[in-house]
Amino acid sequence: PVSEYVLRPGDVITLSNVMIIYGE
C-alpha cells in the first residue's frame, strides 16, 4: 500500500482490482 510513490519502470500498480504496469 502507498499514499505517495515515485514510479520506476516495471512497477505494478494495483488500484483496487485493476492492475496497471508503468513503463518507460
mmCIF file of all heavy atoms, coordinates in Angstrom:
data_MODEL
# 
_entry.id   MODEL 
# 
loop_
_atom_site.group_PDB 
_atom_site.id 
_atom_site.type_symbol 
_atom_site.label_atom_id 
_atom_site.label_alt_id 
_atom_site.label_comp_id 
_atom_site.label_asym_id 
_atom_site.label_entity_id 
_atom_site.label_seq_id 
_atom_site.pdbx_PDB_ins_code 
_atom_site.Cartn_x 
_atom_site.Cartn_y 
_atom_site.Cartn_z 
_atom_site.occupancy 
_atom_site.B_iso_or_equiv 
_atom_site.pdbx_formal_charge 
_atom_site.auth_seq_id 
_atom_site.auth_comp_id 
_atom_site.auth_asym_id 
_atom_site.auth_atom_id 
_atom_site.pdbx_PDB_model_num 
ATOM 1   N N   . PRO A 1 1  ? 0.830   -1.208 0.000   1.00 0.00 ? 1  PRO A N   1 
ATOM 2   C CA  . PRO A 1 1  ? 0.000   0.000  0.000   1.00 0.00 ? 1  PRO A CA  1 
ATOM 3   C C   . PRO A 1 1  ? 0.867   1.262  0.000   1.00 0.00 ? 1  PRO A C   1 
ATOM 4   O O   . PRO A 1 1  ? 1.886   1.324  0.685   1.00 0.00 ? 1  PRO A O   1 
ATOM 5   C CB  . PRO A 1 1  ? -0.796  -0.116 1.312   1.00 0.00 ? 1  PRO A CB  1 
ATOM 6   C CG  . PRO A 1 1  ? -0.719  -1.558 1.696   1.00 0.00 ? 1  PRO A CG  1 
ATOM 7   C CD  . PRO A 1 1  ? 0.600   -2.048 1.191   1.00 0.00 ? 1  PRO A CD  1 
ATOM 8   N N   . VAL A 1 2  ? 0.471   2.267  -0.760  1.00 0.00 ? 2  VAL A N   1 
ATOM 9   C CA  . VAL A 1 2  ? 1.221   3.518  -0.838  1.00 0.00 ? 2  VAL A CA  1 
ATOM 10  C C   . VAL A 1 2  ? 0.247   4.690  -0.791  1.00 0.00 ? 2  VAL A C   1 
ATOM 11  O O   . VAL A 1 2  ? -0.915  4.580  -1.169  1.00 0.00 ? 2  VAL A O   1 
ATOM 12  C CB  . VAL A 1 2  ? 2.064   3.601  -2.135  1.00 0.00 ? 2  VAL A CB  1 
ATOM 13  C CG1 . VAL A 1 2  ? 3.081   2.465  -2.198  1.00 0.00 ? 2  VAL A CG1 1 
ATOM 14  C CG2 . VAL A 1 2  ? 1.175   3.597  -3.370  1.00 0.00 ? 2  VAL A CG2 1 
ATOM 15  N N   . SER A 1 3  ? 0.742   5.815  -0.324  1.00 0.00 ? 3  SER A N   1 
ATOM 16  C CA  . SER A 1 3  ? -0.007  7.060  -0.420  1.00 0.00 ? 3  SER A CA  1 
ATOM 17  C C   . SER A 1 3  ? 0.660   7.999  -1.409  1.00 0.00 ? 3  SER A C   1 
ATOM 18  O O   . SER A 1 3  ? 0.002   8.820  -2.049  1.00 0.00 ? 3  SER A O   1 
ATOM 19  C CB  . SER A 1 3  ? -0.113  7.733  0.953   1.00 0.00 ? 3  SER A CB  1 
ATOM 20  O OG  . SER A 1 3  ? 1.178   7.996  1.477   1.00 0.00 ? 3  SER A OG  1 
ATOM 21  N N   . GLU A 1 4  ? 1.981   7.863  -1.553  1.00 0.00 ? 4  GLU A N   1 
ATOM 22  C CA  . GLU A 1 4  ? 2.759   8.665  -2.497  1.00 0.00 ? 4  GLU A CA  1 
ATOM 23  C C   . GLU A 1 4  ? 3.984   7.848  -2.879  1.00 0.00 ? 4  GLU A C   1 
ATOM 24  O O   . GLU A 1 4  ? 4.692   7.337  -2.012  1.00 0.00 ? 4  GLU A O   1 
ATOM 25  C CB  . GLU A 1 4  ? 3.162   9.984  -1.846  1.00 0.00 ? 4  GLU A CB  1 
ATOM 26  C CG  . GLU A 1 4  ? 3.916   10.926 -2.741  1.00 0.00 ? 4  GLU A CG  1 
ATOM 27  C CD  . GLU A 1 4  ? 4.147   12.274 -2.066  1.00 0.00 ? 4  GLU A CD  1 
ATOM 28  O OE1 . GLU A 1 4  ? 3.306   12.689 -1.239  1.00 0.00 ? 4  GLU A OE1 1 
ATOM 29  O OE2 . GLU A 1 4  ? 5.164   12.916 -2.365  1.00 0.00 ? 4  GLU A OE2 1 
ATOM 30  N N   . TYR A 1 5  ? 4.249   7.734  -4.194  1.00 0.00 ? 5  TYR A N   1 
ATOM 31  C CA  . TYR A 1 5  ? 5.300   6.802  -4.620  1.00 0.00 ? 5  TYR A CA  1 
ATOM 32  C C   . TYR A 1 5  ? 5.919   7.282  -5.926  1.00 0.00 ? 5  TYR A C   1 
ATOM 33  O O   . TYR A 1 5  ? 5.205   7.593  -6.876  1.00 0.00 ? 5  TYR A O   1 
ATOM 34  C CB  . TYR A 1 5  ? 4.709   5.400  -4.801  1.00 0.00 ? 5  TYR A CB  1 
ATOM 35  C CG  . TYR A 1 5  ? 5.717   4.337  -5.175  1.00 0.00 ? 5  TYR A CG  1 
ATOM 36  C CD1 . TYR A 1 5  ? 6.404   3.628  -4.194  1.00 0.00 ? 5  TYR A CD1 1 
ATOM 37  C CD2 . TYR A 1 5  ? 5.978   4.045  -6.500  1.00 0.00 ? 5  TYR A CD2 1 
ATOM 38  C CE1 . TYR A 1 5  ? 7.336   2.647  -4.534  1.00 0.00 ? 5  TYR A CE1 1 
ATOM 39  C CE2 . TYR A 1 5  ? 6.897   3.074  -6.853  1.00 0.00 ? 5  TYR A CE2 1 
ATOM 40  C CZ  . TYR A 1 5  ? 7.583   2.371  -5.867  1.00 0.00 ? 5  TYR A CZ  1 
ATOM 41  O OH  . TYR A 1 5  ? 8.491   1.412  -6.207  1.00 0.00 ? 5  TYR A OH  1 
ATOM 42  N N   . VAL A 1 6  ? 7.266   7.338  -5.974  1.00 0.00 ? 6  VAL A N   1 
ATOM 43  C CA  . VAL A 1 6  ? 7.984   7.694  -7.200  1.00 0.00 ? 6  VAL A CA  1 
ATOM 44  C C   . VAL A 1 6  ? 8.070   6.453  -8.077  1.00 0.00 ? 6  VAL A C   1 
ATOM 45  O O   . VAL A 1 6  ? 8.664   5.443  -7.677  1.00 0.00 ? 6  VAL A O   1 
ATOM 46  C CB  . VAL A 1 6  ? 9.395   8.224  -6.882  1.00 0.00 ? 6  VAL A CB  1 
ATOM 47  C CG1 . VAL A 1 6  ? 10.134  8.552  -8.185  1.00 0.00 ? 6  VAL A CG1 1 
ATOM 48  C CG2 . VAL A 1 6  ? 9.317   9.457  -5.996  1.00 0.00 ? 6  VAL A CG2 1 
ATOM 49  N N   . LEU A 1 7  ? 7.465   6.517  -9.257  1.00 0.00 ? 7  LEU A N   1 
ATOM 50  C CA  . LEU A 1 7  ? 7.357   5.334  -10.118 1.00 0.00 ? 7  LEU A CA  1 
ATOM 51  C C   . LEU A 1 7  ? 8.671   5.021  -10.825 1.00 0.00 ? 7  LEU A C   1 
ATOM 52  O O   . LEU A 1 7  ? 9.401   5.920  -11.249 1.00 0.00 ? 7  LEU A O   1 
ATOM 53  C CB  . LEU A 1 7  ? 6.250   5.555  -11.149 1.00 0.00 ? 7  LEU A CB  1 
ATOM 54  C CG  . LEU A 1 7  ? 4.828   5.619  -10.568 1.00 0.00 ? 7  LEU A CG  1 
ATOM 55  C CD1 . LEU A 1 7  ? 3.843   6.096  -11.627 1.00 0.00 ? 7  LEU A CD1 1 
ATOM 56  C CD2 . LEU A 1 7  ? 4.408   4.253  -10.028 1.00 0.00 ? 7  LEU A CD2 1 
ATOM 57  N N   . ARG A 1 8  ? 8.913   3.718  -10.976 1.00 0.00 ? 8  ARG A N   1 
ATOM 58  C CA  . ARG A 1 8  ? 10.082  3.208  -11.700 1.00 0.00 ? 8  ARG A CA  1 
ATOM 59  C C   . ARG A 1 8  ? 9.604   2.214  -12.760 1.00 0.00 ? 8  ARG A C   1 
ATOM 60  O O   . ARG A 1 8  ? 8.571   1.555  -12.571 1.00 0.00 ? 8  ARG A O   1 
ATOM 61  C CB  . ARG A 1 8  ? 11.048  2.511  -10.746 1.00 0.00 ? 8  ARG A CB  1 
ATOM 62  C CG  . ARG A 1 8  ? 11.645  3.432  -9.687  1.00 0.00 ? 8  ARG A CG  1 
ATOM 63  C CD  . ARG A 1 8  ? 12.725  4.324  -10.281 1.00 0.00 ? 8  ARG A CD  1 
ATOM 64  N NE  . ARG A 1 8  ? 13.382  5.127  -9.264  1.00 0.00 ? 8  ARG A NE  1 
ATOM 65  C CZ  . ARG A 1 8  ? 13.100  6.383  -8.993  1.00 0.00 ? 8  ARG A CZ  1 
ATOM 66  N NH1 . ARG A 1 8  ? 12.119  6.962  -9.667  1.00 0.00 ? 8  ARG A NH1 1 
ATOM 67  N NH2 . ARG A 1 8  ? 13.743  7.058  -8.067  1.00 0.00 ? 8  ARG A NH2 1 
ATOM 68  N N   . PRO A 1 9  ? 10.324  2.097  -13.871 1.00 0.00 ? 9  PRO A N   1 
ATOM 69  C CA  . PRO A 1 9  ? 9.901   1.155  -14.917 1.00 0.00 ? 9  PRO A CA  1 
ATOM 70  C C   . PRO A 1 9  ? 9.704   -0.250 -14.365 1.00 0.00 ? 9  PRO A C   1 
ATOM 71  O O   . PRO A 1 9  ? 10.527  -0.747 -13.593 1.00 0.00 ? 9  PRO A O   1 
ATOM 72  C CB  . PRO A 1 9  ? 11.066  1.200  -15.922 1.00 0.00 ? 9  PRO A CB  1 
ATOM 73  C CG  . PRO A 1 9  ? 11.694  2.536  -15.712 1.00 0.00 ? 9  PRO A CG  1 
ATOM 74  C CD  . PRO A 1 9  ? 11.559  2.831  -14.253 1.00 0.00 ? 9  PRO A CD  1 
ATOM 75  N N   . GLY A 1 10 ? 8.592   -0.875 -14.741 1.00 0.00 ? 10 GLY A N   1 
ATOM 76  C CA  . GLY A 1 10 ? 8.289   -2.224 -14.285 1.00 0.00 ? 10 GLY A CA  1 
ATOM 77  C C   . GLY A 1 10 ? 7.437   -2.273 -13.038 1.00 0.00 ? 10 GLY A C   1 
ATOM 78  O O   . GLY A 1 10 ? 7.000   -3.364 -12.643 1.00 0.00 ? 10 GLY A O   1 
ATOM 79  N N   . ASP A 1 11 ? 7.175   -1.132 -12.402 1.00 0.00 ? 11 ASP A N   1 
ATOM 80  C CA  . ASP A 1 11 ? 6.317   -1.127 -11.220 1.00 0.00 ? 11 ASP A CA  1 
ATOM 81  C C   . ASP A 1 11 ? 4.915   -1.603 -11.586 1.00 0.00 ? 11 ASP A C   1 
ATOM 82  O O   . ASP A 1 11 ? 4.363   -1.208 -12.621 1.00 0.00 ? 11 ASP A O   1 
ATOM 83  C CB  . ASP A 1 11 ? 6.226   0.276  -10.614 1.00 0.00 ? 11 ASP A CB  1 
ATOM 84  C CG  . ASP A 1 11 ? 7.443   0.637  -9.789  1.00 0.00 ? 11 ASP A CG  1 
ATOM 85  O OD1 . ASP A 1 11 ? 8.139   -0.284 -9.326  1.00 0.00 ? 11 ASP A OD1 1 
ATOM 86  O OD2 . ASP A 1 11 ? 7.699   1.839  -9.606  1.00 0.00 ? 11 ASP A OD2 1 
ATOM 87  N N   . VAL A 1 12 ? 4.353   -2.439 -10.732 1.00 0.00 ? 12 VAL A N   1 
ATOM 88  C CA  . VAL A 1 12 ? 2.986   -2.928 -10.924 1.00 0.00 ? 12 VAL A CA  1 
ATOM 89  C C   . VAL A 1 12 ? 2.077   -2.176 -9.954  1.00 0.00 ? 12 VAL A C   1 
ATOM 90  O O   . VAL A 1 12 ? 2.197   -2.313 -8.743  1.00 0.00 ? 12 VAL A O   1 
ATOM 91  C CB  . VAL A 1 12 ? 2.890   -4.449 -10.676 1.00 0.00 ? 12 VAL A CB  1 
ATOM 92  C CG1 . VAL A 1 12 ? 1.440   -4.912 -10.835 1.00 0.00 ? 12 VAL A CG1 1 
ATOM 93  C CG2 . VAL A 1 12 ? 3.802   -5.202 -11.644 1.00 0.00 ? 12 VAL A CG2 1 
ATOM 94  N N   . ILE A 1 13 ? 1.189   -1.367 -10.516 1.00 0.00 ? 13 ILE A N   1 
ATOM 95  C CA  . ILE A 1 13 ? 0.240   -0.577 -9.729  1.00 0.00 ? 13 ILE A CA  1 
ATOM 96  C C   . ILE A 1 13 ? -1.082  -1.330 -9.674  1.00 0.00 ? 13 ILE A C   1 
ATOM 97  O O   . ILE A 1 13 ? -1.564  -1.811 -10.700 1.00 0.00 ? 13 ILE A O   1 
ATOM 98  C CB  . ILE A 1 13 ? 0.026   0.805  -10.376 1.00 0.00 ? 13 ILE A CB  1 
ATOM 99  C CG1 . ILE A 1 13 ? 1.357   1.535  -10.568 1.00 0.00 ? 13 ILE A CG1 1 
ATOM 100 C CG2 . ILE A 1 13 ? -0.946  1.645  -9.567  1.00 0.00 ? 13 ILE A CG2 1 
ATOM 101 C CD1 . ILE A 1 13 ? 1.260   2.741  -11.488 1.00 0.00 ? 13 ILE A CD1 1 
ATOM 102 N N   . THR A 1 14 ? -1.663  -1.416 -8.492  1.00 0.00 ? 14 THR A N   1 
ATOM 103 C CA  . THR A 1 14 ? -2.980  -2.021 -8.351  1.00 0.00 ? 14 THR A CA  1 
ATOM 104 C C   . THR A 1 14 ? -3.923  -1.003 -7.732  1.00 0.00 ? 14 THR A C   1 
ATOM 105 O O   . THR A 1 14 ? -3.699  -0.553 -6.603  1.00 0.00 ? 14 THR A O   1 
ATOM 106 C CB  . THR A 1 14 ? -2.935  -3.281 -7.466  1.00 0.00 ? 14 THR A CB  1 
ATOM 107 O OG1 . THR A 1 14 ? -1.945  -4.177 -7.974  1.00 0.00 ? 14 THR A OG1 1 
ATOM 108 C CG2 . THR A 1 14 ? -4.279  -3.984 -7.465  1.00 0.00 ? 14 THR A CG2 1 
ATOM 109 N N   . LEU A 1 15 ? -4.942  -0.611 -8.492  1.00 0.00 ? 15 LEU A N   1 
ATOM 110 C CA  . LEU A 1 15 ? -5.977  0.274  -7.992  1.00 0.00 ? 15 LEU A CA  1 
ATOM 111 C C   . LEU A 1 15 ? -7.205  -0.578 -7.733  1.00 0.00 ? 15 LEU A C   1 
ATOM 112 O O   . LEU A 1 15 ? -7.911  -0.957 -8.672  1.00 0.00 ? 15 LEU A O   1 
ATOM 113 C CB  . LEU A 1 15 ? -6.287  1.389  -8.996  1.00 0.00 ? 15 LEU A CB  1 
ATOM 114 C CG  . LEU A 1 15 ? -5.094  2.265  -9.431  1.00 0.00 ? 15 LEU A CG  1 
ATOM 115 C CD1 . LEU A 1 15 ? -5.568  3.395  -10.324 1.00 0.00 ? 15 LEU A CD1 1 
ATOM 116 C CD2 . LEU A 1 15 ? -4.322  2.800  -8.224  1.00 0.00 ? 15 LEU A CD2 1 
ATOM 117 N N   . SER A 1 16 ? -7.415  -0.940 -6.478  1.00 0.00 ? 16 SER A N   1 
ATOM 118 C CA  . SER A 1 16 ? -8.460  -1.886 -6.092  1.00 0.00 ? 16 SER A CA  1 
ATOM 119 C C   . SER A 1 16 ? -8.195  -3.215 -6.791  1.00 0.00 ? 16 SER A C   1 
ATOM 120 O O   . SER A 1 16 ? -7.252  -3.906 -6.456  1.00 0.00 ? 16 SER A O   1 
ATOM 121 C CB  . SER A 1 16 ? -9.849  -1.334 -6.408  1.00 0.00 ? 16 SER A CB  1 
ATOM 122 O OG  . SER A 1 16 ? -10.844 -2.156 -5.840  1.00 0.00 ? 16 SER A OG  1 
ATOM 123 N N   . ASN A 1 17 ? -8.989  -3.581 -7.819  1.00 0.00 ? 17 ASN A N   1 
ATOM 124 C CA  . ASN A 1 17 ? -8.765  -4.844 -8.519  1.00 0.00 ? 17 ASN A CA  1 
ATOM 125 C C   . ASN A 1 17 ? -8.249  -4.642 -9.940  1.00 0.00 ? 17 ASN A C   1 
ATOM 126 O O   . ASN A 1 17 ? -8.246  -5.583 -10.734 1.00 0.00 ? 17 ASN A O   1 
ATOM 127 C CB  . ASN A 1 17 ? -10.060 -5.660 -8.560  1.00 0.00 ? 17 ASN A CB  1 
ATOM 128 C CG  . ASN A 1 17 ? -11.152 -4.963 -9.362  1.00 0.00 ? 17 ASN A CG  1 
ATOM 129 O OD1 . ASN A 1 17 ? -11.102 -3.744 -9.542  1.00 0.00 ? 17 ASN A OD1 1 
ATOM 130 N ND2 . ASN A 1 17 ? -12.131 -5.711 -9.829  1.00 0.00 ? 17 ASN A ND2 1 
ATOM 131 N N   . VAL A 1 18 ? -7.809  -3.432 -10.282 1.00 0.00 ? 18 VAL A N   1 
ATOM 132 C CA  . VAL A 1 18 ? -7.317  -3.137 -11.625 1.00 0.00 ? 18 VAL A CA  1 
ATOM 133 C C   . VAL A 1 18 ? -5.791  -3.083 -11.599 1.00 0.00 ? 18 VAL A C   1 
ATOM 134 O O   . VAL A 1 18 ? -5.201  -2.312 -10.835 1.00 0.00 ? 18 VAL A O   1 
ATOM 135 C CB  . VAL A 1 18 ? -7.880  -1.798 -12.146 1.00 0.00 ? 18 VAL A CB  1 
ATOM 136 C CG1 . VAL A 1 18 ? -7.290  -1.471 -13.512 1.00 0.00 ? 18 VAL A CG1 1 
ATOM 137 C CG2 . VAL A 1 18 ? -9.400  -1.863 -12.219 1.00 0.00 ? 18 VAL A CG2 1 
ATOM 138 N N   . MET A 1 19 ? -5.148  -3.901 -12.437 1.00 0.00 ? 19 MET A N   1 
ATOM 139 C CA  . MET A 1 19 ? -3.686  -3.957 -12.476 1.00 0.00 ? 19 MET A CA  1 
ATOM 140 C C   . MET A 1 19 ? -3.161  -3.087 -13.610 1.00 0.00 ? 19 MET A C   1 
ATOM 141 O O   . MET A 1 19 ? -3.639  -3.152 -14.745 1.00 0.00 ? 19 MET A O   1 
ATOM 142 C CB  . MET A 1 19 ? -3.201  -5.394 -12.665 1.00 0.00 ? 19 MET A CB  1 
ATOM 143 C CG  . MET A 1 19 ? -1.689  -5.524 -12.493 1.00 0.00 ? 19 MET A CG  1 
ATOM 144 S SD  . MET A 1 19 ? -1.081  -7.216 -12.710 1.00 0.00 ? 19 MET A SD  1 
ATOM 145 C CE  . MET A 1 19 ? -1.234  -7.398 -14.485 1.00 0.00 ? 19 MET A CE  1 
ATOM 146 N N   . ILE A 1 20 ? -2.143  -2.279 -13.276 1.00 0.00 ? 20 ILE A N   1 
ATOM 147 C CA  . ILE A 1 20 ? -1.544  -1.352 -14.231 1.00 0.00 ? 20 ILE A CA  1 
ATOM 148 C C   . ILE A 1 20 ? -0.034  -1.495 -14.148 1.00 0.00 ? 20 ILE A C   1 
ATOM 149 O O   . ILE A 1 20 ? 0.536   -1.555 -13.055 1.00 0.00 ? 20 ILE A O   1 
ATOM 150 C CB  . ILE A 1 20 ? -1.944  0.105  -13.904 1.00 0.00 ? 20 ILE A CB  1 
ATOM 151 C CG1 . ILE A 1 20 ? -3.471  0.256  -13.911 1.00 0.00 ? 20 ILE A CG1 1 
ATOM 152 C CG2 . ILE A 1 20 ? -1.310  1.072  -14.877 1.00 0.00 ? 20 ILE A CG2 1 
ATOM 153 C CD1 . ILE A 1 20 ? -3.945  1.586  -13.370 1.00 0.00 ? 20 ILE A CD1 1 
ATOM 154 N N   . ILE A 1 21 ? 0.627   -1.554 -15.289 1.00 0.00 ? 21 ILE A N   1 
ATOM 155 C CA  . ILE A 1 21 ? 2.084   -1.611 -15.332 1.00 0.00 ? 21 ILE A CA  1 
ATOM 156 C C   . ILE A 1 21 ? 2.609   -0.266 -15.823 1.00 0.00 ? 21 ILE A C   1 
ATOM 157 O O   . ILE A 1 21 ? 2.132   0.273  -16.826 1.00 0.00 ? 21 ILE A O   1 
ATOM 158 C CB  . ILE A 1 21 ? 2.581   -2.741 -16.246 1.00 0.00 ? 21 ILE A CB  1 
ATOM 159 C CG1 . ILE A 1 21 ? 2.147   -4.091 -15.685 1.00 0.00 ? 21 ILE A CG1 1 
ATOM 160 C CG2 . ILE A 1 21 ? 4.106   -2.700 -16.384 1.00 0.00 ? 21 ILE A CG2 1 
ATOM 161 C CD1 . ILE A 1 21 ? 2.508   -5.270 -16.570 1.00 0.00 ? 21 ILE A CD1 1 
ATOM 162 N N   . TYR A 1 22 ? 3.603   0.263  -15.108 1.00 0.00 ? 22 TYR A N   1 
ATOM 163 C CA  . TYR A 1 22 ? 4.245   1.513  -15.508 1.00 0.00 ? 22 TYR A CA  1 
ATOM 164 C C   . TYR A 1 22 ? 5.534   1.190  -16.245 1.00 0.00 ? 22 TYR A C   1 
ATOM 165 O O   . TYR A 1 22 ? 6.342   0.365  -15.780 1.00 0.00 ? 22 TYR A O   1 
ATOM 166 C CB  . TYR A 1 22 ? 4.554   2.371  -14.284 1.00 0.00 ? 22 TYR A CB  1 
ATOM 167 C CG  . TYR A 1 22 ? 5.403   3.585  -14.604 1.00 0.00 ? 22 TYR A CG  1 
ATOM 168 C CD1 . TYR A 1 22 ? 4.827   4.742  -15.123 1.00 0.00 ? 22 TYR A CD1 1 
ATOM 169 C CD2 . TYR A 1 22 ? 6.778   3.570  -14.394 1.00 0.00 ? 22 TYR A CD2 1 
ATOM 170 C CE1 . TYR A 1 22 ? 5.604   5.845  -15.424 1.00 0.00 ? 22 TYR A CE1 1 
ATOM 171 C CE2 . TYR A 1 22 ? 7.562   4.671  -14.687 1.00 0.00 ? 22 TYR A CE2 1 
ATOM 172 C CZ  . TYR A 1 22 ? 6.973   5.811  -15.201 1.00 0.00 ? 22 TYR A CZ  1 
ATOM 173 O OH  . TYR A 1 22 ? 7.746   6.901  -15.502 1.00 0.00 ? 22 TYR A OH  1 
ATOM 174 N N   . GLY A 1 23 ? 5.734   1.839  -17.397 1.00 0.00 ? 23 GLY A N   1 
ATOM 175 C CA  . GLY A 1 23 ? 6.948   1.603  -18.166 1.00 0.00 ? 23 GLY A CA  1 
ATOM 176 C C   . GLY A 1 23 ? 7.504   2.881  -18.753 1.00 0.00 ? 23 GLY A C   1 
ATOM 177 O O   . GLY A 1 23 ? 6.846   3.923  -18.794 1.00 0.00 ? 23 GLY A O   1 
ATOM 178 N N   . GLU A 1 24 ? 8.730   2.806  -19.223 1.00 0.00 ? 24 GLU A N   1 
ATOM 179 C CA  . GLU A 1 24 ? 9.396   3.916  -19.898 1.00 0.00 ? 24 GLU A CA  1 
ATOM 180 C C   . GLU A 1 24 ? 10.181  3.368  -21.071 1.00 0.00 ? 24 GLU A C   1 
ATOM 181 O O   . GLU A 1 24 ? 10.614  2.231  -21.059 1.00 0.00 ? 24 GLU A O   1 
ATOM 182 C CB  . GLU A 1 24 ? 10.360  4.632  -18.940 1.00 0.00 ? 24 GLU A CB  1 
ATOM 183 C CG  . GLU A 1 24 ? 9.709   5.267  -17.739 1.00 0.00 ? 24 GLU A CG  1 
ATOM 184 C CD  . GLU A 1 24 ? 10.731  5.796  -16.731 1.00 0.00 ? 24 GLU A CD  1 
ATOM 185 O OE1 . GLU A 1 24 ? 11.946  5.685  -17.018 1.00 0.00 ? 24 GLU A OE1 1 
ATOM 186 O OE2 . GLU A 1 24 ? 10.321  6.291  -15.673 1.00 0.00 ? 24 GLU A OE2 1 
# 
